[in-house]
Amino acid sequence: MRVTVDGNEVDVPAGATVLDAVRAAGRDLPTLCDDDRLAPAGLCRLCLVRVSGRIAPPA
């Protein structure tokens, strides 16, 4: 799937999260609740992003 992050198009696999796309674009997005041992939850709201004009957690 091709997505745009800060004006740069990146390819990410189907099922990737917005956080995955941000990282694939080489951008840094501070997180607290992101942990490989946990399912994505987007609970801490530290890493909010704009998706199609709306503010959302990247999970």
C-alpha atoms as a PDB file:
ATOM      1  CA  MET A   1       0.000   0.000   0.000  1.00  0.00           C
ATOM      2  CA  ARG A   2       1.348   3.454  -0.860  1.00  0.00           C
ATOM      3  CA  VAL A   3       0.764   6.263   1.655  1.00  0.00           C
ATOM      4  CA  THR A   4       2.005   9.826   2.012  1.00  0.00           C
ATOM      5  CA  VAL A   5       3.856  10.934   5.145  1.00  0.00           C
ATOM      6  CA  ASP A   6       4.822  14.613   5.351  1.00  0.00           C
ATOM      7  CA  GLY A   7       4.584  14.872   1.569  1.00  0.00           C
ATOM      8  CA  ASN A   8       6.733  11.769   0.946  1.00  0.00           C
ATOM      9  CA  GLU A   9       5.189   8.631  -0.543  1.00  0.00           C
ATOM     10  CA  VAL A  10       6.193   5.346   1.095  1.00  0.00           C
ATOM     11  CA  ASP A  11       5.191   1.742   0.517  1.00  0.00           C
ATOM     12  CA  VAL A  12       3.997  -0.241   3.518  1.00  0.00           C
ATOM     13  CA  PRO A  13       2.501  -3.734   3.682  1.00  0.00           C
ATOM     14  CA  ALA A  14      -1.266  -4.172   3.966  1.00  0.00           C
ATOM     15  CA  GLY A  15      -2.242  -4.056   7.628  1.00  0.00           C
ATOM     16  CA  ALA A  16       0.560  -1.652   8.561  1.00  0.00           C
ATOM     17  CA  THR A  17      -0.263   1.007  11.129  1.00  0.00           C
ATOM     18  CA  VAL A  18       0.203   4.733  10.626  1.00  0.00           C
ATOM     19  CA  LEU A  19       3.118   4.455  13.065  1.00  0.00           C
ATOM     20  CA  ASP A  20       4.676   1.825  10.768  1.00  0.00           C
ATOM     21  CA  ALA A  21       4.285   4.219   7.824  1.00  0.00           C
ATOM     22  CA  VAL A  22       5.820   7.132   9.729  1.00  0.00           C
ATOM     23  CA  ARG A  23       8.823   4.993  10.615  1.00  0.00           C
ATOM     24  CA  ALA A  24       9.116   3.688   7.025  1.00  0.00           C
ATOM     25  CA  ALA A  25       9.298   7.331   5.919  1.00  0.00           C
ATOM     26  CA  GLY A  26      12.287   7.806   8.226  1.00  0.00           C
ATOM     27  CA  ARG A  27      10.428  10.162  10.554  1.00  0.00           C
ATOM     28  CA  ASP A  28      10.657  10.071  14.335  1.00  0.00           C
ATOM     29  CA  LEU A  29       7.395   9.951  16.277  1.00  0.00           C
ATOM     30  CA  PRO A  30       7.761   9.811  20.075  1.00  0.00           C
ATOM     31  CA  THR A  31       5.697   7.074  21.706  1.00  0.00           C
ATOM     32  CA  LEU A  32       5.075   5.778  25.215  1.00  0.00           C
ATOM     33  CA  CYS A  33       2.694   2.873  24.698  1.00  0.00           C
ATOM     34  CA  ASP A  34       4.359   1.329  21.600  1.00  0.00           C
ATOM     35  CA  ASP A  35       5.905  -1.990  22.640  1.00  0.00           C
ATOM     36  CA  ASP A  36       6.508  -5.030  20.439  1.00  0.00           C
ATOM     37  CA  ARG A  37       5.116  -7.233  23.213  1.00  0.00           C
ATOM     38  CA  LEU A  38       1.709  -5.484  23.168  1.00  0.00           C
ATOM     39  CA  ALA A  39      -1.079  -5.152  20.626  1.00  0.00           C
ATOM     40  CA  PRO A  40      -1.403  -1.602  19.196  1.00  0.00           C
ATOM     41  CA  ALA A  41      -3.674   0.414  21.476  1.00  0.00           C
ATOM     42  CA  GLY A  42      -3.057   4.153  20.943  1.00  0.00           C
ATOM     43  CA  LEU A  43      -3.946   4.883  24.557  1.00  0.00           C
ATOM     44  CA  CYS A  44      -1.336   7.387  25.709  1.00  0.00           C
ATOM     45  CA  ARG A  45      -2.107   9.932  22.922  1.00  0.00           C
ATOM     46  CA  LEU A  46       1.521  11.116  22.875  1.00  0.00           C
ATOM     47  CA  CYS A  47       1.923  10.232  19.191  1.00  0.00           C
ATOM     48  CA  LEU A  48      -1.214  11.769  17.660  1.00  0.00           C
ATOM     49  CA  VAL A  49      -1.084  12.313  13.899  1.00  0.00           C
ATOM     50  CA  ARG A  50      -3.281  13.970  11.268  1.00  0.00           C
ATOM     51  CA  VAL A  51      -5.068  11.422   9.040  1.00  0.00           C
ATOM     52  CA  SER A  52      -7.232  12.815   6.223  1.00  0.00           C
ATOM     53  CA  GLY A  53      -7.557  16.095   8.120  1.00  0.00           C
ATOM     54  CA  ARG A  54      -8.506  14.489  11.452  1.00  0.00           C
ATOM     55  CA  ILE A  55      -6.310  14.038  14.541  1.00  0.00           C
ATOM     56  CA  ALA A  56      -5.989  10.360  15.482  1.00  0.00           C
ATOM     57  CA  PRO A  57      -3.734   7.926  17.342  1.00  0.00           C
ATOM     58  CA  PRO A  58      -1.548   6.055  14.827  1.00  0.00           C
ATOM     59  CA  ALA A  59      -2.516   2.539  15.926  1.00  0.00           C
END
